PDB file of N, CA and C in Angstrom:
ATOM      1  N   MET A   1      40.624  -2.945  16.973  1.00  0.00           N
ATOM      2  CA  MET A   1      40.886  -3.038  15.558  1.00  0.00           C
ATOM      3  C   MET A   1      41.102  -1.629  14.992  1.00  0.00           C
ATOM      4  N   LYS A   2      42.045  -1.507  14.095  1.00  0.00           N
ATOM      5  CA  LYS A   2      42.364  -0.207  13.507  1.00  0.00           C
ATOM      6  C   LYS A   2      41.266   0.215  12.530  1.00  0.00           C
ATOM      7  N   GLN A   3      40.806   1.446  12.683  1.00  0.00           N
ATOM      8  CA  GLN A   3      39.804   1.953  11.761  1.00  0.00           C
ATOM      9  C   GLN A   3      40.510   2.689  10.631  1.00  0.00           C
ATOM     10  N   VAL A   4      40.113   2.372   9.429  1.00  0.00           N
ATOM     11  CA  VAL A   4      40.728   2.981   8.261  1.00  0.00           C
ATOM     12  C   VAL A   4      39.660   3.769   7.524  1.00  0.00           C
ATOM     13  N   LYS A   5      39.986   5.019   7.230  1.00  0.00           N
ATOM     14  CA  LYS A   5      39.053   5.839   6.466  1.00  0.00           C
ATOM     15  C   LYS A   5      39.294   5.576   4.986  1.00  0.00           C
ATOM     16  N   THR A   6      38.255   5.173   4.291  1.00  0.00           N
ATOM     17  CA  THR A   6      38.393   4.921   2.868  1.00  0.00           C
ATOM     18  C   THR A   6      37.863   6.119   2.091  1.00  0.00           C
ATOM     19  N   TYR A   7      38.443   6.340   0.943  1.00  0.00           N
ATOM     20  CA  TYR A   7      38.052   7.457   0.101  1.00  0.00           C
ATOM     21  C   TYR A   7      37.548   6.937  -1.238  1.00  0.00           C
ATOM     22  N   ASN A   8      36.527   7.556  -1.735  1.00  0.00           N
ATOM     23  CA  ASN A   8      36.046   7.246  -3.066  1.00  0.00           C
ATOM     24  C   ASN A   8      36.603   8.336  -3.976  1.00  0.00           C
ATOM     25  N   PHE A   9      37.714   8.038  -4.628  1.00  0.00           N
ATOM     26  CA  PHE A   9      38.406   9.054  -5.404  1.00  0.00           C
ATOM     27  C   PHE A   9      37.602   9.507  -6.618  1.00  0.00           C
ATOM     28  N   ILE A  10      36.733   8.660  -7.125  1.00  0.00           N
ATOM     29  CA  ILE A  10      35.889   9.101  -8.242  1.00  0.00           C
ATOM     30  C   ILE A  10      34.952  10.207  -7.780  1.00  0.00           C
ATOM     31  N   ASP A  11      34.315  10.016  -6.627  1.00  0.00           N
ATOM     32  CA  ASP A  11      33.419  11.055  -6.106  1.00  0.00           C
ATOM     33  C   ASP A  11      34.172  12.333  -5.773  1.00  0.00           C
ATOM     34  N   ILE A  12      35.348  12.201  -5.204  1.00  0.00           N
ATOM     35  CA  ILE A  12      36.156  13.381  -4.865  1.00  0.00           C
ATOM     36  C   ILE A  12      36.533  14.138  -6.129  1.00  0.00           C
ATOM     37  N   THR A  13      36.946  13.412  -7.162  1.00  0.00           N
ATOM     38  CA  THR A  13      37.321  14.044  -8.427  1.00  0.00           C
ATOM     39  C   THR A  13      36.125  14.743  -9.052  1.00  0.00           C
ATOM     40  N   LYS A  14      34.978  14.073  -9.050  1.00  0.00           N
ATOM     41  CA  LYS A  14      33.775  14.678  -9.619  1.00  0.00           C
ATOM     42  C   LYS A  14      33.416  15.962  -8.879  1.00  0.00           C
ATOM     43  N   ARG A  15      33.496  15.933  -7.560  1.00  0.00           N
ATOM     44  CA  ARG A  15      33.171  17.115  -6.758  1.00  0.00           C
ATOM     45  C   ARG A  15      34.130  18.266  -7.042  1.00  0.00           C
ATOM     46  N   GLU A  16      35.419  17.967  -7.124  1.00  0.00           N
ATOM     47  CA  GLU A  16      36.432  19.012  -7.306  1.00  0.00           C
ATOM     48  C   GLU A  16      36.385  19.637  -8.701  1.00  0.00           C
ATOM     49  N   PHE A  17      36.120  18.828  -9.725  1.00  0.00           N
ATOM     50  CA  PHE A  17      36.199  19.326 -11.092  1.00  0.00           C
ATOM     51  C   PHE A  17      34.847  19.722 -11.677  1.00  0.00           C
ATOM     52  N   GLN A  18      33.758  19.498 -10.947  1.00  0.00           N
ATOM     53  CA  GLN A  18      32.436  19.852 -11.457  1.00  0.00           C
ATOM     54  C   GLN A  18      32.316  21.343 -11.739  1.00  0.00           C
ATOM     55  N   GLN A  19      33.012  22.160 -10.995  1.00  0.00           N
ATOM     56  CA  GLN A  19      32.923  23.610 -11.168  1.00  0.00           C
ATOM     57  C   GLN A  19      33.437  24.069 -12.531  1.00  0.00           C
ATOM     58  N   TYR A  20      34.173  23.228 -13.231  1.00  0.00           N
ATOM     59  CA  TYR A  20      34.732  23.602 -14.517  1.00  0.00           C
ATOM     60  C   TYR A  20      33.911  23.079 -15.693  1.00  0.00           C
ATOM     61  N   GLN A  21      32.800  22.425 -15.420  1.00  0.00           N
ATOM     62  CA  GLN A  21      31.986  21.851 -16.480  1.00  0.00           C
ATOM     63  C   GLN A  21      30.516  22.072 -16.163  1.00  0.00           C
ATOM     64  N   ALA A  22      29.736  22.466 -17.171  1.00  0.00           N
ATOM     65  CA  ALA A  22      28.320  22.763 -16.964  1.00  0.00           C
ATOM     66  C   ALA A  22      27.486  21.501 -16.763  1.00  0.00           C
ATOM     67  N   THR A  23      27.830  20.433 -17.458  1.00  0.00           N
ATOM     68  CA  THR A  23      27.065  19.188 -17.322  1.00  0.00           C
ATOM     69  C   THR A  23      27.697  18.305 -16.246  1.00  0.00           C
ATOM     70  N   PRO A  24      26.922  17.424 -15.636  1.00  0.00           N
ATOM     71  CA  PRO A  24      27.483  16.548 -14.599  1.00  0.00           C
ATOM     72  C   PRO A  24      28.616  15.673 -15.144  1.00  0.00           C
ATOM     73  N   ILE A  25      29.651  15.523 -14.349  1.00  0.00           N
ATOM     74  CA  ILE A  25      30.795  14.698 -14.724  1.00  0.00           C
ATOM     75  C   ILE A  25      30.448  13.233 -14.474  1.00  0.00           C
ATOM     76  N   THR A  26      30.717  12.410 -15.461  1.00  0.00           N
ATOM     77  CA  THR A  26      30.448  10.973 -15.322  1.00  0.00           C
ATOM     78  C   THR A  26      31.628  10.290 -14.635  1.00  0.00           C
ATOM     79  N   ASN A  27      31.406   9.053 -14.224  1.00  0.00           N
ATOM     80  CA  ASN A  27      32.491   8.281 -13.613  1.00  0.00           C
ATOM     81  C   ASN A  27      33.647   8.102 -14.592  1.00  0.00           C
ATOM     82  N   ALA A  28      33.328   7.854 -15.865  1.00  0.00           N
ATOM     83  CA  ALA A  28      34.373   7.669 -16.877  1.00  0.00           C
ATOM     84  C   ALA A  28      35.201   8.950 -17.042  1.00  0.00           C
ATOM     85  N   GLN A  29      34.544  10.097 -17.022  1.00  0.00           N
ATOM     86  CA  GLN A  29      35.275  11.358 -17.123  1.00  0.00           C
ATOM     87  C   GLN A  29      36.154  11.580 -15.896  1.00  0.00           C
ATOM     88  N   ALA A  30      35.648  11.208 -14.719  1.00  0.00           N
ATOM     89  CA  ALA A  30      36.431  11.365 -13.493  1.00  0.00           C
ATOM     90  C   ALA A  30      37.684  10.493 -13.542  1.00  0.00           C
ATOM     91  N   VAL A  31      37.550   9.273 -14.051  1.00  0.00           N
ATOM     92  CA  VAL A  31      38.706   8.389 -14.179  1.00  0.00           C
ATOM     93  C   VAL A  31      39.694   8.966 -15.177  1.00  0.00           C
ATOM     94  N   GLU A  32      39.191   9.534 -16.279  1.00  0.00           N
ATOM     95  CA  GLU A  32      40.073  10.152 -17.274  1.00  0.00           C
ATOM     96  C   GLU A  32      40.822  11.340 -16.677  1.00  0.00           C
ATOM     97  N   ILE A  33      40.142  12.147 -15.884  1.00  0.00           N
ATOM     98  CA  ILE A  33      40.798  13.276 -15.209  1.00  0.00           C
ATOM     99  C   ILE A  33      41.909  12.764 -14.303  1.00  0.00           C
ATOM    100  N   GLN A  34      41.621  11.723 -13.521  1.00  0.00           N
ATOM    101  CA  GLN A  34      42.624  11.152 -12.627  1.00  0.00           C
ATOM    102  C   GLN A  34      43.823  10.641 -13.410  1.00  0.00           C
ATOM    103  N   ASN A  35      43.565   9.927 -14.503  1.00  0.00           N
ATOM    104  CA  ASN A  35      44.661   9.400 -15.312  1.00  0.00           C
ATOM    105  C   ASN A  35      45.520  10.528 -15.884  1.00  0.00           C
ATOM    106  N   ASN A  36      44.884  11.601 -16.326  1.00  0.00           N
ATOM    107  CA  ASN A  36      45.628  12.742 -16.852  1.00  0.00           C
ATOM    108  C   ASN A  36      46.491  13.384 -15.763  1.00  0.00           C
ATOM    109  N   LEU A  37      45.935  13.534 -14.580  1.00  0.00           N
ATOM    110  CA  LEU A  37      46.698  14.127 -13.481  1.00  0.00           C
ATOM    111  C   LEU A  37      47.872  13.240 -13.081  1.00  0.00           C
ATOM    112  N   PHE A  38      47.626  11.927 -13.007  1.00  0.00           N
ATOM    113  CA  PHE A  38      48.715  11.004 -12.672  1.00  0.00           C
ATOM    114  C   PHE A  38      49.788  11.033 -13.751  1.00  0.00           C
ATOM    115  N   GLY A  39      49.383  11.187 -15.008  1.00  0.00           N
ATOM    116  CA  GLY A  39      50.346  11.283 -16.107  1.00  0.00           C
ATOM    117  C   GLY A  39      51.228  12.508 -15.985  1.00  0.00           C
ATOM    118  N   VAL A  40      50.635  13.635 -15.606  1.00  0.00           N
ATOM    119  CA  VAL A  40      51.408  14.872 -15.425  1.00  0.00           C
ATOM    120  C   VAL A  40      52.397  14.710 -14.274  1.00  0.00           C
ATOM    121  N   VAL A  41      51.938  14.145 -13.178  1.00  0.00           N
ATOM    122  CA  VAL A  41      52.823  13.933 -12.030  1.00  0.00           C
ATOM    123  C   VAL A  41      53.965  12.993 -12.406  1.00  0.00           C
ATOM    124  N   ASP A  42      53.664  11.944 -13.156  1.00  0.00           N
ATOM    125  CA  ASP A  42      54.700  11.010 -13.596  1.00  0.00           C
ATOM    126  C   ASP A  42      55.737  11.720 -14.462  1.00  0.00           C
ATOM    127  N   LEU A  43      55.297  12.572 -15.395  1.00  0.00           N
ATOM    128  CA  LEU A  43      56.233  13.327 -16.221  1.00  0.00           C
ATOM    129  C   LEU A  43      57.117  14.242 -15.373  1.00  0.00           C
ATOM    130  N   LEU A  44      56.521  14.912 -14.415  1.00  0.00           N
ATOM    131  CA  LEU A  44      57.300  15.793 -13.539  1.00  0.00           C
ATOM    132  C   LEU A  44      58.356  15.013 -12.766  1.00  0.00           C
ATOM    133  N   LEU A  45      57.986  13.830 -12.278  1.00  0.00           N
ATOM    134  CA  LEU A  45      58.951  12.999 -11.555  1.00  0.00           C
ATOM    135  C   LEU A  45      60.076  12.527 -12.470  1.00  0.00           C
ATOM    136  N   GLN A  46      59.737  12.169 -13.705  1.00  0.00           N
ATOM    137  CA  GLN A  46      60.761  11.751 -14.662  1.00  0.00           C
ATOM    138  C   GLN A  46      61.707  12.899 -14.971  1.00  0.00           C
ATOM    139  N   TRP A  47      61.150  14.080 -15.215  1.00  0.00           N
ATOM    140  CA  TRP A  47      61.994  15.244 -15.519  1.00  0.00           C
ATOM    141  C   TRP A  47      62.880  15.586 -14.333  1.00  0.00           C
ATOM    142  N   SER A  48      62.325  15.476 -13.138  1.00  0.00           N
ATOM    143  CA  SER A  48      63.089  15.780 -11.933  1.00  0.00           C
ATOM    144  C   SER A  48      64.262  14.818 -11.784  1.00  0.00           C
ATOM    145  N   SER A  49      64.016  13.525 -12.024  1.00  0.00           N
ATOM    146  CA  SER A  49      65.103  12.560 -11.867  1.00  0.00           C
ATOM    147  C   SER A  49      66.150  12.754 -12.952  1.00  0.00           C
ATOM    148  N   LYS A  50      65.747  13.110 -14.162  1.00  0.00           N
ATOM    149  CA  LYS A  50      66.715  13.394 -15.228  1.00  0.00           C
ATOM    150  C   LYS A  50      67.544  14.618 -14.878  1.00  0.00           C
ATOM    151  N   GLU A  51      66.910  15.625 -14.298  1.00  0.00           N
ATOM    152  CA  GLU A  51      67.622  16.845 -13.902  1.00  0.00           C
ATOM    153  C   GLU A  51      68.649  16.521 -12.828  1.00  0.00           C
ATOM    154  N   ASN A  52      68.286  15.648 -11.883  1.00  0.00           N
ATOM    155  CA  ASN A  52      69.226  15.253 -10.838  1.00  0.00           C
ATOM    156  C   ASN A  52      70.402  14.498 -11.417  1.00  0.00           C
ATOM    157  N   ILE A  53      70.174  13.642 -12.398  1.00  0.00           N
ATOM    158  CA  ILE A  53      71.262  12.882 -13.032  1.00  0.00           C
ATOM    159  C   ILE A  53      72.185  13.833 -13.780  1.00  0.00           C
ATOM    160  N   ILE A  54      71.618  14.798 -14.487  1.00  0.00           N
ATOM    161  CA  ILE A  54      72.431  15.770 -15.232  1.00  0.00           C
ATOM    162  C   ILE A  54      73.263  16.595 -14.269  1.00  0.00           C
ATOM    163  N   THR A  55      72.675  17.024 -13.157  1.00  0.00           N
ATOM    164  CA  THR A  55      73.386  17.836 -12.164  1.00  0.00           C
ATOM    165  C   THR A  55      74.527  17.055 -11.544  1.00  0.00           C
ATOM    166  N   GLU A  56      74.292  15.764 -11.249  1.00  0.00           N
ATOM    167  CA  GLU A  56      75.328  14.937 -10.629  1.00  0.00           C
ATOM    168  C   GLU A  56      76.482  14.670 -11.588  1.00  0.00           C
ATOM    169  N   CYS A  57      76.200  14.593 -12.889  1.00  0.00           N
ATOM    170  CA  CYS A  57      77.240  14.309 -13.870  1.00  0.00           C
ATOM    171  C   CYS A  57      78.073  15.544 -14.209  1.00  0.00           C
ATOM    172  N   ALA A  58      77.539  16.708 -13.936  1.00  0.00           N
ATOM    173  CA  ALA A  58      78.238  17.949 -14.318  1.00  0.00           C
ATOM    174  C   ALA A  58      79.364  18.289 -13.377  1.00  0.00           C
TER     175      ALA A  58
END
């Protein structure tokens, strides 16, 4: 049977971003951080695809 390594992204986020905050990061804050990061990545992908469309039309 294939073994799959699972990740707890909330714990990973809390560990990575704890250094930027004096108080412990809650699960809700970790989810908010993840949502913000995904939002930034989504914007970058949208801008990239718009740039490709503009370049192709020129």
